[in-house]
N, C-alpha and C. Protein backbone atom coordinates (compact mmCIF):
# COMPACT_ATOMS: atom_id res chain seq x y z
N MET A 1 117.84 45.34 169.31
CA MET A 1 116.59 44.01 168.64
C MET A 1 115.68 44.22 170.28
N LYS A 2 114.74 44.29 170.76
CA LYS A 2 113.61 43.95 171.78
C LYS A 2 113.61 42.57 172.34
N ILE A 3 114.28 42.47 174.06
CA ILE A 3 112.96 41.47 174.35
C ILE A 3 111.61 40.52 174.36
N HIS A 4 110.81 41.06 173.36
CA HIS A 4 109.61 40.17 173.62
C HIS A 4 110.01 40.09 171.93
N SER A 5 110.73 40.93 170.70
CA SER A 5 110.82 40.28 170.18
C SER A 5 110.20 38.90 169.54
N ILE A 6 110.02 38.74 168.95
CA ILE A 6 109.92 36.93 167.90
C ILE A 6 110.69 37.05 167.79
N ALA A 7 111.83 37.44 167.14
CA ALA A 7 113.15 37.06 165.99
C ALA A 7 114.23 36.77 167.83
N PHE A 8 114.16 37.97 169.11
CA PHE A 8 114.85 36.91 170.03
C PHE A 8 114.70 35.80 170.03
N PHE A 9 113.42 35.86 170.47
CA PHE A 9 113.42 34.10 171.25
C PHE A 9 114.05 33.24 169.73
N ILE A 10 113.97 33.61 168.86
CA ILE A 10 113.77 32.53 167.70
C ILE A 10 115.99 32.60 167.84
N MET A 11 115.92 33.65 167.67
CA MET A 11 117.93 33.94 167.62
C MET A 11 118.32 33.17 168.92
N LEU A 12 117.14 32.59 170.37
CA LEU A 12 117.83 32.64 171.90
C LEU A 12 118.75 31.24 172.06
N PRO A 13 118.44 29.97 170.48
CA PRO A 13 119.27 29.02 171.04
C PRO A 13 120.17 29.14 169.80
N PHE A 14 120.22 29.71 168.93
CA PHE A 14 122.19 29.67 168.61
C PHE A 14 122.68 30.79 169.42
N LEU A 15 122.58 31.40 170.03
CA LEU A 15 122.98 31.93 171.26
C LEU A 15 124.21 30.87 172.22
N ILE A 16 122.93 30.25 173.17
CA ILE A 16 123.33 29.51 173.70
C ILE A 16 124.83 28.42 173.45
N LEU A 17 124.04 28.08 171.63
CA LEU A 17 125.29 27.09 171.01
C LEU A 17 126.64 28.31 170.91
N VAL A 18 125.89 29.16 170.27
CA VAL A 18 127.37 30.07 169.70
C VAL A 18 128.30 29.60 171.64
N LEU A 19 127.72 30.02 173.13
CA LEU A 19 128.38 29.63 173.85
C LEU A 19 128.45 28.39 175.03
N TYR A 20 128.46 27.47 174.36
CA TYR A 20 128.57 26.51 174.34
C TYR A 20 129.88 26.03 173.65
N THR A 21 129.81 26.35 172.20
CA THR A 21 130.22 25.88 171.80
C THR A 21 131.93 26.95 171.67
N GLY A 22 132.12 27.77 172.24
CA GLY A 22 132.69 29.01 171.68
C GLY A 22 134.06 28.87 173.97
N TYR A 23 132.41 28.10 174.61
CA TYR A 23 133.69 27.31 175.69
C TYR A 23 134.08 26.01 175.20
N HIS A 24 134.32 25.88 173.95
CA HIS A 24 134.88 23.90 174.22
C HIS A 24 136.20 24.29 173.09
N VAL A 25 135.94 25.76 172.14
CA VAL A 25 136.90 27.10 171.64
C VAL A 25 137.83 26.76 172.16
N PHE A 26 138.19 27.34 173.01
CA PHE A 26 138.09 29.18 173.38
C PHE A 26 138.38 28.25 175.12
N PHE A 27 137.33 27.09 175.83
CA PHE A 27 138.74 27.32 177.04
C PHE A 27 139.41 25.92 177.48
N MET A 28 138.22 25.57 176.00
CA MET A 28 139.13 23.46 176.76
C MET A 28 140.05 23.62 174.79
N ASP A 29 140.18 23.45 174.45
CA ASP A 29 140.80 23.84 173.59
C ASP A 29 140.55 22.81 172.27
N ASP A 30 139.50 22.87 172.08
CA ASP A 30 138.44 21.61 171.02
C ASP A 30 138.23 22.25 170.28
N ASN A 31 139.10 22.06 169.36
CA ASN A 31 139.10 23.28 167.64
C ASN A 31 138.11 22.08 167.11
N SER A 32 138.24 21.18 166.63
CA SER A 32 136.49 20.65 166.71
C SER A 32 135.33 21.06 166.05
N MET A 33 135.65 22.46 167.13
CA MET A 33 133.90 22.62 167.51
C MET A 33 133.94 24.25 166.47
N PHE A 34 134.76 24.47 165.96
CA PHE A 34 135.05 25.84 165.43
C PHE A 34 134.19 26.30 164.83
N PRO A 35 134.76 24.45 163.74
CA PRO A 35 133.96 25.07 161.97
C PRO A 35 131.95 26.02 163.10
N TYR A 36 131.50 25.07 164.03
CA TYR A 36 130.18 25.07 164.69
C TYR A 36 129.70 25.52 164.85
N LEU A 37 130.98 26.47 166.13
CA LEU A 37 130.82 28.05 165.99
C LEU A 37 130.79 29.39 165.50
N LEU A 38 131.07 28.85 164.99
CA LEU A 38 130.73 29.60 162.75
C LEU A 38 130.02 29.64 162.75
N VAL A 39 129.65 28.85 162.49
CA VAL A 39 128.03 28.85 161.86
C VAL A 39 127.03 29.11 162.89
N PHE A 40 126.93 28.53 164.38
CA PHE A 40 126.33 29.80 165.07
C PHE A 40 125.72 30.45 164.87
N ALA A 41 127.21 30.90 165.17
CA ALA A 41 127.84 32.84 164.63
C ALA A 41 127.07 33.60 163.50
N ILE A 42 127.44 33.26 162.54
CA ILE A 42 126.73 34.31 161.04
C ILE A 42 125.44 33.21 161.68
N ILE A 43 124.48 32.55 161.86
CA ILE A 43 122.75 31.95 161.82
C ILE A 43 122.31 33.22 163.15
N SER A 44 123.27 33.66 163.97
CA SER A 44 122.54 34.79 165.44
C SER A 44 122.63 35.40 164.16
N THR A 45 123.14 35.72 163.31
CA THR A 45 123.69 37.58 163.40
C THR A 45 123.81 38.44 162.56
N ILE A 46 123.38 36.93 161.34
CA ILE A 46 121.60 37.13 160.46
C ILE A 46 120.20 37.32 161.46
N ILE A 47 119.73 36.83 161.90
CA ILE A 47 118.93 36.47 162.46
C ILE A 47 118.69 38.50 162.88
N TYR A 48 119.47 38.82 163.81
CA TYR A 48 119.69 40.10 164.52
C TYR A 48 119.59 41.41 163.78
N LEU A 49 120.44 41.04 162.50
CA LEU A 49 120.19 41.59 161.43
C LEU A 49 119.04 42.09 160.59
N PHE A 50 117.96 41.14 160.44
CA PHE A 50 117.00 41.12 160.35
C PHE A 50 115.53 41.10 160.77
N SER A 51 115.79 41.28 161.70
CA SER A 51 115.13 41.23 162.94
C SER A 51 112.81 41.65 162.34
N PRO A 52 114.53 43.21 162.81
CA PRO A 52 112.75 44.28 161.69
C PRO A 52 111.90 43.23 161.25
N GLN A 53 112.57 43.14 160.53
CA GLN A 53 111.63 42.19 159.36
C GLN A 53 111.42 40.75 159.57
N ILE A 54 111.96 40.46 160.73
CA ILE A 54 111.61 38.96 161.35
C ILE A 54 110.13 38.85 162.15
N ASP A 55 110.32 40.12 162.57
CA ASP A 55 108.82 41.23 163.30
C ASP A 55 107.69 40.81 163.08
N PHE A 56 108.22 42.09 161.62
CA PHE A 56 107.12 42.40 161.33
C PHE A 56 106.70 41.22 160.12
N ALA A 57 106.79 40.17 159.84
CA ALA A 57 106.46 39.02 159.54
C ALA A 57 105.22 38.10 160.25
N TRP A 58 105.58 38.41 161.79
CA TRP A 58 105.30 37.87 162.50
C TRP A 58 103.96 38.55 163.32
N TYR A 59 104.13 39.92 164.14
CA TYR A 59 103.06 40.50 164.30
C TYR A 59 102.21 41.02 163.32
N SER A 60 102.22 41.08 162.07
CA SER A 60 101.60 40.78 160.60
C SER A 60 100.17 40.18 160.49
N ASN A 61 101.04 38.65 160.59
CA ASN A 61 99.92 37.74 160.30
C ASN A 61 99.17 37.29 161.91
N TYR A 62 99.61 37.16 162.71
CA TYR A 62 99.54 36.96 164.75
C TYR A 62 99.92 38.24 165.17
N PRO A 63 98.82 39.36 164.81
CA PRO A 63 98.23 40.44 166.06
C PRO A 63 97.75 40.00 167.33
N LYS A 64 98.27 40.29 168.27
CA LYS A 64 97.77 40.67 169.70
C LYS A 64 95.94 40.81 169.86
N ASP A 65 95.49 40.04 169.44
CA ASP A 65 94.01 40.88 169.60
C ASP A 65 93.70 41.75 171.24
N PHE A 66 93.02 42.93 171.24
CA PHE A 66 93.76 43.46 172.52
C PHE A 66 92.86 43.41 173.30
N SER A 67 93.25 43.57 174.68
CA SER A 67 92.88 43.07 175.86
C SER A 67 90.82 43.89 176.14
N GLN A 68 90.25 44.37 176.64
CA GLN A 68 89.40 45.08 176.63
C GLN A 68 89.52 46.56 177.38
N LYS A 69 90.19 46.59 178.12
CA LYS A 69 90.97 47.62 178.39
C LYS A 69 92.18 48.67 177.27
N GLU A 70 92.31 48.27 176.68
CA GLU A 70 92.84 47.93 176.00
C GLU A 70 92.47 49.27 174.80
N ARG A 71 91.13 47.72 174.87
CA ARG A 71 90.10 48.61 173.74
C ARG A 71 89.13 49.88 174.23
N THR A 72 88.53 49.63 175.33
CA THR A 72 88.54 51.08 176.05
C THR A 72 88.90 52.44 176.44
N PHE A 73 90.18 51.95 176.89
CA PHE A 73 91.60 53.62 177.07
C PHE A 73 91.79 53.26 175.06
N LEU A 74 90.93 53.04 174.01
CA LEU A 74 91.12 53.51 172.69
C LEU A 74 89.37 54.19 172.50
N SER A 75 89.04 53.17 172.87
CA SER A 75 87.51 53.92 172.66
C SER A 75 87.89 55.50 173.19
N SER A 76 88.08 55.84 174.15
CA SER A 76 88.19 56.94 175.21
C SER A 76 89.23 57.93 174.14
N ILE A 77 89.82 58.39 173.76
CA ILE A 77 90.22 59.11 173.20
C ILE A 77 90.34 58.63 171.88
N SER A 78 89.65 58.30 170.61
CA SER A 78 89.75 57.90 169.37
C SER A 78 88.55 58.38 168.82
N THR A 79 87.86 59.66 168.22
CA THR A 79 86.65 59.64 168.06
C THR A 79 86.04 58.87 166.38
N PHE A 80 87.78 58.73 165.80
CA PHE A 80 87.69 57.59 164.40
C PHE A 80 87.43 56.27 164.67
N TYR A 81 88.74 56.02 165.42
CA TYR A 81 88.03 54.77 166.15
C TYR A 81 86.58 54.67 166.21
N ASN A 82 86.09 54.99 167.00
CA ASN A 82 84.31 55.53 167.72
C ASN A 82 83.86 55.16 166.32
N SER A 83 83.94 55.97 165.63
CA SER A 83 83.36 55.60 164.74
C SER A 83 83.29 54.63 163.52
N LEU A 84 84.70 53.48 164.02
CA LEU A 84 84.94 52.48 162.47
C LEU A 84 83.09 51.36 162.66
N GLU A 85 82.97 50.14 161.73
CA GLU A 85 82.76 49.71 161.76
C GLU A 85 83.16 48.33 162.95
N GLU A 86 82.16 47.63 163.17
CA GLU A 86 83.51 46.41 163.95
C GLU A 86 84.72 45.63 163.85
N LYS A 87 84.57 45.68 161.68
CA LYS A 87 85.59 45.23 161.74
C LYS A 87 86.43 45.56 161.59
N ASP A 88 85.79 46.96 160.99
CA ASP A 88 86.77 47.60 160.55
C ASP A 88 87.61 47.84 162.36
N ARG A 89 87.38 48.60 163.12
CA ARG A 89 87.86 48.43 165.00
C ARG A 89 88.57 47.66 164.74
N LEU A 90 88.35 46.17 164.13
CA LEU A 90 89.54 45.09 164.62
C LEU A 90 90.63 44.78 163.93
N LYS A 91 90.30 46.41 162.30
CA LYS A 91 91.97 46.20 161.66
C LYS A 91 92.49 47.81 162.64
N PHE A 92 91.84 48.72 162.54
CA PHE A 92 92.38 50.10 163.81
C PHE A 92 93.45 49.27 164.90
N GLU A 93 93.00 48.09 165.87
CA GLU A 93 93.82 47.55 167.00
C GLU A 93 94.80 47.10 166.35
N GLN A 94 94.74 45.92 165.03
CA GLN A 94 95.64 45.51 164.53
C GLN A 94 96.52 46.11 164.19
N ARG A 95 97.02 46.54 163.43
CA ARG A 95 96.91 48.05 163.03
C ARG A 95 98.48 48.82 163.98
N SER A 96 97.69 49.60 164.90
CA SER A 96 97.67 50.29 166.41
C SER A 96 99.14 48.82 167.55
N TYR A 97 98.87 47.85 167.14
CA TYR A 97 99.61 46.77 167.70
C TYR A 97 100.66 46.38 167.40
N VAL A 98 100.63 46.15 165.18
CA VAL A 98 102.45 46.54 164.90
C VAL A 98 102.61 47.30 165.34
N PHE A 99 101.84 48.36 163.95
CA PHE A 99 103.37 49.81 164.78
C PHE A 99 104.10 50.10 166.14
N ILE A 100 103.37 49.53 167.75
CA ILE A 100 103.85 49.55 168.51
C ILE A 100 104.98 48.58 168.68
N ARG A 101 104.51 47.19 167.85
CA ARG A 101 106.08 46.49 168.49
C ARG A 101 107.37 46.47 167.16
N ALA A 102 106.89 47.03 166.30
CA ALA A 102 107.72 47.87 165.50
C ALA A 102 108.22 48.98 165.38
N LYS A 103 108.13 50.31 166.61
CA LYS A 103 108.33 51.27 166.27
C LYS A 103 109.58 51.20 167.56
N ASP A 104 110.09 52.34 168.20
CA ASP A 104 110.91 52.53 169.65
C ASP A 104 110.44 54.46 169.97
N PHE A 105 109.84 53.55 170.92
CA PHE A 105 109.17 55.18 171.91
C PHE A 105 109.89 55.47 172.68
N LYS A 106 111.04 57.31 173.02
CA LYS A 106 111.33 56.25 174.47
C LYS A 106 110.49 58.03 174.92
N LEU A 107 110.55 58.08 176.31
CA LEU A 107 109.62 59.02 177.06
C LEU A 107 111.11 59.97 177.80
N ILE A 108 111.07 60.64 177.34
CA ILE A 108 112.36 62.19 177.66
C ILE A 108 112.16 62.51 179.24
N MET A 109 112.41 62.42 180.01
CA MET A 109 113.03 63.74 180.99
C MET A 109 113.32 63.93 181.94
N LYS A 110 114.74 63.45 183.06
CA LYS A 110 115.71 63.56 183.17
C LYS A 110 116.79 63.13 181.98
N GLU A 111 116.26 61.64 181.89
CA GLU A 111 117.00 60.52 181.12
C GLU A 111 115.72 59.91 180.04
N ARG A 112 116.00 59.36 178.98
CA ARG A 112 115.31 58.13 178.19
C ARG A 112 115.32 56.84 178.66
N LYS A 113 113.60 57.12 179.29
CA LYS A 113 113.40 55.63 179.50
C LYS A 113 111.90 54.96 178.16
N GLU A 114 112.13 53.51 179.11
CA GLU A 114 110.67 53.32 177.52
C GLU A 114 109.70 54.42 177.72
N MET A 115 108.79 54.62 176.26
CA MET A 115 107.40 55.42 177.01
C MET A 115 106.33 54.34 177.63
N PRO A 116 105.16 54.60 178.23
CA PRO A 116 104.20 53.82 178.97
C PRO A 116 103.73 53.34 178.14
N GLU A 117 102.88 51.60 178.11
CA GLU A 117 102.53 51.21 176.82
C GLU A 117 101.18 52.67 176.15
N ASP A 118 100.22 53.40 177.75
CA ASP A 118 99.16 53.82 177.11
C ASP A 118 100.01 54.97 176.41
N MET A 119 100.43 55.24 176.26
CA MET A 119 100.94 56.45 175.52
C MET A 119 101.37 56.28 174.71
N LYS A 120 101.97 55.12 174.19
CA LYS A 120 102.49 54.96 172.78
C LYS A 120 100.96 54.64 172.02
N LEU A 121 100.48 53.52 172.54
CA LEU A 121 99.14 53.74 172.59
C LEU A 121 98.42 55.40 171.42
N VAL A 122 99.05 56.02 172.00
CA VAL A 122 98.40 58.28 171.82
C VAL A 122 98.60 58.15 171.15
N VAL A 123 100.59 57.64 170.11
CA VAL A 123 100.87 58.24 169.18
C VAL A 123 100.53 57.33 168.14
N ALA A 124 99.87 56.20 168.05
CA ALA A 124 99.67 54.83 167.78
C ALA A 124 98.70 55.73 166.98
N THR A 125 97.49 55.85 167.62
CA THR A 125 96.33 55.78 167.05
C THR A 125 96.45 56.81 166.39
N ASN A 126 97.11 58.16 166.57
CA ASN A 126 97.64 59.45 165.35
C ASN A 126 98.20 59.16 163.70
N ALA A 127 98.82 57.99 164.09
CA ALA A 127 99.29 56.90 162.85
C ALA A 127 98.29 56.21 162.04
N ILE A 128 97.36 56.01 162.67
CA ILE A 128 97.12 54.92 162.10
C ILE A 128 95.64 55.13 161.48
N GLN A 129 95.23 55.78 162.27
CA GLN A 129 94.28 57.06 161.34
C GLN A 129 94.31 57.53 159.77
N VAL A 130 95.63 58.33 160.25
CA VAL A 130 95.55 59.70 158.82
C VAL A 130 96.85 58.29 157.69
N ALA A 131 96.66 56.90 158.54
CA ALA A 131 97.06 56.21 156.92
C ALA A 131 96.77 55.22 156.44
N PHE A 132 95.07 55.02 157.26
CA PHE A 132 94.13 53.82 157.65
C PHE A 132 94.10 52.88 156.30
N HIS A 133 93.64 53.95 155.58
CA HIS A 133 93.39 53.57 153.61
C HIS A 133 94.64 52.99 152.90
N SER A 134 95.20 53.21 154.03
CA SER A 134 96.79 52.83 153.25
C SER A 134 97.18 51.28 153.56
N ASP A 135 97.66 51.44 152.57
CA ASP A 135 99.25 50.13 153.16
C ASP A 135 100.13 49.85 154.17
N ASN A 136 100.62 51.90 153.48
CA ASN A 136 101.70 51.75 154.31
C ASN A 136 102.01 52.85 155.84
N TYR A 137 101.13 51.91 156.09
CA TYR A 137 101.28 52.49 157.34
C TYR A 137 102.24 52.36 159.01
N LEU A 138 102.97 51.71 158.36
CA LEU A 138 103.79 51.49 159.02
C LEU A 138 105.14 52.53 158.94
N TYR A 139 104.85 53.51 157.74
CA TYR A 139 105.43 54.58 157.42
C TYR A 139 107.08 54.06 157.71
N LYS A 140 107.31 53.48 156.84
CA LYS A 140 108.76 53.28 156.22
C LYS A 140 109.54 53.78 157.20
N LYS A 141 110.93 53.45 157.55
CA LYS A 141 111.44 53.90 157.69
C LYS A 141 111.88 54.86 159.14
N TYR A 142 110.56 55.94 159.39
CA TYR A 142 110.54 56.75 160.99
C TYR A 142 109.76 55.66 161.28
N ASP A 143 111.14 55.06 162.56
CA ASP A 143 111.54 54.01 163.35
C ASP A 143 111.22 54.30 164.87
N ARG A 144 111.70 56.14 165.14
CA ARG A 144 111.61 56.49 166.42
C ARG A 144 110.95 57.23 166.85
N TYR A 145 109.87 57.72 168.30
CA TYR A 145 109.16 58.61 168.78
C TYR A 145 109.54 58.82 169.52
N PHE A 146 109.49 60.42 169.85
CA PHE A 146 109.50 60.54 171.52
C PHE A 146 108.82 61.45 172.04
N ALA A 147 109.37 61.80 173.03
CA ALA A 147 107.96 62.62 173.58
C ALA A 147 108.12 63.07 175.37
N TYR A 148 107.90 64.14 174.74
CA TYR A 148 108.88 65.60 176.40
C TYR A 148 107.12 65.44 177.38
N GLY A 149 107.22 66.01 178.08
CA GLY A 149 106.29 66.42 178.38
C GLY A 149 105.59 67.73 178.76
N HIS A 150 106.38 68.43 177.87
CA HIS A 150 106.44 70.12 178.26
C HIS A 150 107.26 70.56 177.34
N GLU A 151 107.24 71.34 176.52
CA GLU A 151 107.26 72.17 175.11
C GLU A 151 108.70 71.91 175.35
N PHE A 152 109.07 72.20 174.10
CA PHE A 152 110.45 71.69 173.98
C PHE A 152 111.82 72.60 172.93
N PRO A 153 113.09 72.91 173.57
CA PRO A 153 113.95 73.18 171.81
C PRO A 153 114.31 72.85 171.54
N THR A 154 114.88 72.02 170.59
CA THR A 154 115.91 71.48 169.73
C THR A 154 117.03 71.61 168.30
N PRO A 155 118.03 71.23 168.60
CA PRO A 155 118.86 72.15 167.97
C PRO A 155 118.00 72.93 165.84
N ASP A 156 117.71 71.43 165.65
CA ASP A 156 116.89 72.92 164.76
C ASP A 156 116.02 73.56 165.13
N LYS A 157 115.06 73.86 166.52
CA LYS A 157 114.31 74.78 166.03
C LYS A 157 114.84 75.33 167.67
N LYS A 158 115.32 76.13 167.89
CA LYS A 158 116.14 76.81 168.65
C LYS A 158 114.88 77.68 170.37
N PHE A 159 113.38 77.54 169.95
CA PHE A 159 112.40 78.29 170.33
C PHE A 159 111.69 77.11 170.81
N LEU A 160 110.89 77.33 172.34
CA LEU A 160 109.95 76.66 173.03
C LEU A 160 109.10 75.92 171.98
N HIS A 161 108.21 74.20 170.75
CA HIS A 161 107.26 74.29 170.58
C HIS A 161 106.99 72.73 170.60
N SER A 162 105.66 72.38 170.15
CA SER A 162 105.48 71.13 171.27
C SER A 162 105.55 69.74 169.72
N VAL A 163 105.92 70.38 169.18
CA VAL A 163 106.02 68.62 167.59
C VAL A 163 107.10 68.88 166.60
N GLU A 164 107.33 68.69 166.53
CA GLU A 164 109.18 68.22 165.82
C GLU A 164 109.20 66.97 164.99
N VAL A 165 108.69 67.56 163.58
CA VAL A 165 109.48 66.07 162.34
C VAL A 165 110.66 65.60 161.68
N ASN A 166 111.83 65.37 162.01
CA ASN A 166 112.40 65.40 161.41
C ASN A 166 113.46 65.05 160.35
N HIS A 167 113.12 64.82 159.23
CA HIS A 167 112.76 63.66 158.21
C HIS A 167 114.10 63.65 157.46
N ASP A 168 115.34 64.50 157.89
CA ASP A 168 115.86 63.78 157.78
C ASP A 168 116.87 62.45 158.73
N ASP A 169 116.54 62.60 159.44
CA ASP A 169 116.66 61.29 161.35
C ASP A 169 115.59 60.57 161.37
N LYS A 170 114.87 60.86 160.54
CA LYS A 170 113.48 60.01 160.63
C LYS A 170 113.22 59.90 161.88
N ILE A 171 112.26 60.84 162.78
CA ILE A 171 111.78 60.48 163.63
C ILE A 171 110.72 61.91 164.00
N ALA A 172 110.33 61.94 165.06
CA ALA A 172 109.05 62.40 165.65
C ALA A 172 108.87 63.02 167.06
N ILE A 173 109.08 63.76 167.20
CA ILE A 173 109.27 64.48 168.56
C ILE A 173 107.87 65.06 169.23
N PHE A 174 107.63 64.99 170.15
CA PHE A 174 106.01 65.79 170.73
C PHE A 174 106.63 65.70 172.25
N ASN A 175 104.57 66.78 172.29
CA ASN A 175 104.73 67.26 173.42
C ASN A 175 103.71 66.57 174.24
N MET A 176 104.38 65.23 174.84
CA MET A 176 103.26 64.44 175.58
C MET A 176 101.71 65.00 176.11
N ASP A 177 101.40 66.18 176.88
CA ASP A 177 100.62 67.13 177.46
C ASP A 177 99.46 67.03 176.54
N VAL A 178 99.63 67.96 175.64
CA VAL A 178 99.38 68.71 174.04
C VAL A 178 98.87 67.64 173.48
N LEU A 179 99.55 66.82 173.19
CA LEU A 179 99.47 65.77 172.22
C LEU A 179 97.54 65.00 172.28
N VAL A 180 98.17 64.97 174.29
CA VAL A 180 97.05 63.86 174.95
C VAL A 180 96.13 64.48 174.36
N LYS A 181 95.60 66.31 175.22
CA LYS A 181 94.93 66.91 174.56
C LYS A 181 94.13 66.55 173.62
N SER A 182 95.16 67.10 172.66
CA SER A 182 94.38 67.30 171.37
C SER A 182 93.13 66.60 170.80
N LEU A 183 93.52 65.37 171.24
CA LEU A 183 92.49 64.04 171.32
C LEU A 183 91.03 64.50 171.19
N ASN A 184 91.26 65.05 172.46
CA ASN A 184 89.64 66.00 172.82
C ASN A 184 89.01 66.37 172.27
N PHE A 185 88.19 67.00 171.04
CA PHE A 185 87.29 67.68 170.38
C PHE A 185 87.47 69.22 171.40
N GLU A 186 86.94 68.55 172.52
CA GLU A 186 86.54 69.81 173.82
C GLU A 186 87.80 70.08 173.89
N ASN A 187 87.94 70.60 173.73
CA ASN A 187 90.10 71.30 174.18
C ASN A 187 89.92 72.20 172.47
N ARG A 188 89.60 72.13 171.96
CA ARG A 188 89.36 72.55 170.80
C ARG A 188 91.55 73.08 170.19
N ILE A 189 92.01 71.94 171.13
CA ILE A 189 93.84 72.34 170.48
C ILE A 189 94.21 71.43 169.25
N PHE A 190 95.13 71.99 168.56
CA PHE A 190 95.48 71.65 167.50
C PHE A 190 96.13 70.31 167.60
N ASN A 191 95.75 69.54 166.69
CA ASN A 191 96.31 68.23 166.55
C ASN A 191 97.37 68.12 166.23
N ILE A 192 98.53 67.57 167.43
CA ILE A 192 100.01 68.00 166.64
C ILE A 192 99.90 66.22 166.23
N GLY A 193 99.30 65.46 166.42
CA GLY A 193 99.54 64.15 167.20
C GLY A 193 99.19 63.77 165.02
N LEU A 194 97.90 64.58 164.22
CA LEU A 194 97.67 64.45 163.49
C LEU A 194 99.05 65.00 162.35
N PHE A 195 98.88 66.39 162.18
CA PHE A 195 99.80 66.49 161.87
C PHE A 195 101.24 66.27 161.79
N ALA A 196 101.43 65.82 162.67
CA ALA A 196 103.46 65.33 162.09
C ALA A 196 103.08 64.54 161.80
N PHE A 197 102.07 63.93 161.77
CA PHE A 197 101.44 62.27 160.62
C PHE A 197 101.49 62.53 159.51
N ILE A 198 99.97 63.04 159.23
CA ILE A 198 100.18 63.95 157.61
C ILE A 198 101.34 63.93 157.13
N ASP A 199 102.04 64.49 157.91
CA ASP A 199 103.70 65.74 157.83
C ASP A 199 104.79 64.31 157.69
N ILE A 200 104.75 63.58 157.10
CA ILE A 200 105.66 62.90 157.26
C ILE A 200 105.11 61.52 156.30
N PHE A 201 103.84 61.13 155.68
CA PHE A 201 102.45 60.24 155.45
C PHE A 201 103.24 60.69 153.80
N LEU A 202 102.92 62.44 154.09
CA LEU A 202 103.21 62.78 152.79
C LEU A 202 104.23 62.85 152.13
N HIS A 203 105.09 63.44 153.08
CA HIS A 203 106.62 62.83 152.82
C HIS A 203 107.31 61.61 152.22
N ILE A 204 106.66 60.41 152.49
CA ILE A 204 106.94 59.40 152.16
C ILE A 204 106.41 58.93 150.51
N ASN A 205 104.84 59.66 150.10
CA ASN A 205 104.09 59.12 149.10
C ASN A 205 103.99 60.25 148.74
N LYS A 206 105.18 61.30 148.22
CA LYS A 206 104.90 62.67 147.66
C LYS A 206 104.83 62.04 146.41
N LYS A 207 105.91 61.28 145.09
CA LYS A 207 105.66 61.24 143.75
C LYS A 207 104.12 59.96 143.97
N SER A 208 103.54 59.41 145.11
CA SER A 208 102.15 59.81 144.46
C SER A 208 100.93 59.96 144.55
N ILE A 209 101.13 61.08 145.09
CA ILE A 209 100.22 61.51 145.69
C ILE A 209 100.13 62.95 144.72
N PRO A 210 99.13 62.83 143.73
CA PRO A 210 99.23 64.20 142.96
C PRO A 210 98.57 65.65 142.57
N ASP A 211 99.12 66.08 142.04
CA ASP A 211 98.35 67.92 142.47
C ASP A 211 97.29 67.57 142.42
N LEU A 212 97.14 68.79 143.72
CA LEU A 212 94.77 69.76 141.90
C LEU A 212 95.56 70.56 140.92
N PRO A 213 94.01 70.07 140.58
CA PRO A 213 94.08 70.47 139.31
C PRO A 213 94.49 72.59 139.09
N GLU A 214 95.24 72.99 138.28
CA GLU A 214 95.44 74.21 138.74
C GLU A 214 93.76 75.17 138.56
N THR A 215 93.22 74.61 137.17
CA THR A 215 91.84 75.28 136.78
C THR A 215 90.80 74.87 138.13
N THR A 216 90.69 73.72 139.12
CA THR A 216 89.39 73.81 139.51
C THR A 216 89.49 75.27 140.63
N SER A 217 88.36 74.93 141.08
CA SER A 217 88.68 76.02 142.29
C SER A 217 88.75 75.24 143.44
N VAL A 218 89.41 74.66 143.72
CA VAL A 218 89.64 72.99 144.89
C VAL A 218 90.88 74.81 145.49
N TRP A 219 91.96 75.16 145.35
CA TRP A 219 92.54 76.06 145.86
C TRP A 219 91.70 77.03 146.19
N GLN A 220 90.53 77.13 145.37
CA GLN A 220 90.22 79.02 146.32
C GLN A 220 89.07 78.49 147.70
N LYS A 221 88.36 77.10 147.24
CA LYS A 221 87.54 76.53 148.47
C LYS A 221 88.65 76.37 149.71
N ILE A 222 89.62 75.72 149.22
CA ILE A 222 90.95 75.12 150.78
C ILE A 222 91.56 77.09 151.58
N THR A 223 91.39 77.96 149.95
CA THR A 223 92.48 79.38 151.23
C THR A 223 91.15 79.79 151.33
N ASP A 224 89.63 79.39 151.61
CA ASP A 224 88.41 80.08 151.93
C ASP A 224 88.65 79.42 152.91
N ILE A 225 88.32 78.55 153.27
CA ILE A 225 88.05 77.91 154.43
C ILE A 225 89.62 78.48 155.87
N SER A 226 90.85 77.61 155.35
CA SER A 226 91.74 78.53 155.90
C SER A 226 92.48 79.23 156.17
N SER A 227 92.24 80.03 155.13
CA SER A 227 92.56 81.32 155.22
C SER A 227 94.16 81.40 154.55
N ILE A 228 94.86 80.53 154.16
CA ILE A 228 96.24 80.24 153.83
C ILE A 228 95.94 80.09 152.28
N SER A 229 96.73 81.08 151.32
CA SER A 229 96.74 80.74 149.93
C SER A 229 97.56 79.14 149.67
N LYS A 230 97.35 78.56 149.09
CA LYS A 230 98.43 77.92 148.28
C LYS A 230 99.72 78.09 148.15
N ASN A 231 99.96 79.33 147.98
CA ASN A 231 102.23 79.74 147.35
C ASN A 231 101.77 80.44 149.81
């Protein structure tokens, strides 16, 4: 549970009470405090176990407004955001805020460390764009996102690559250098962020996305554009 989570602050008084009653029970031999210790410990445990749901409920209902600095940065990296009307920009910002607070981001260097806030927003921008017209913008169970500053191998893919989604572990890994550059159309770099979140979105929602009719010419048009056949 993150220190800045609302669940932590809800749990904090009960943790203090656990310490207080625990001190009396174990160091002062005051067994009359034991029932209180048990109750406070159970409450703390319940809050801890349900902290993701508590945080999500809080941040969903009370999302923080972006600062002007954050809006300027978002505008510099997302043409999709820039194309939105004001009310939809606010929706994009609020969803980005909730997404960042709900997920775990790690920057992998010599050791894992917390990803900087601007890098988190780069990841979130792609996630929110893909699911902008869906209520499932948090990509259920896909809660961990990692980034290298270069290409990387993994146990599943031994060769160097820049993006990977592992549906078993529910994680996505990015080459942050490529991810940032791919946001700028002028660089003409394949957008690995959109690729990853489209992959996750389709995997989560595969039952609700209908197949294209075989009798239409849609598949042929897709093949003509992409040079990739349906099969």
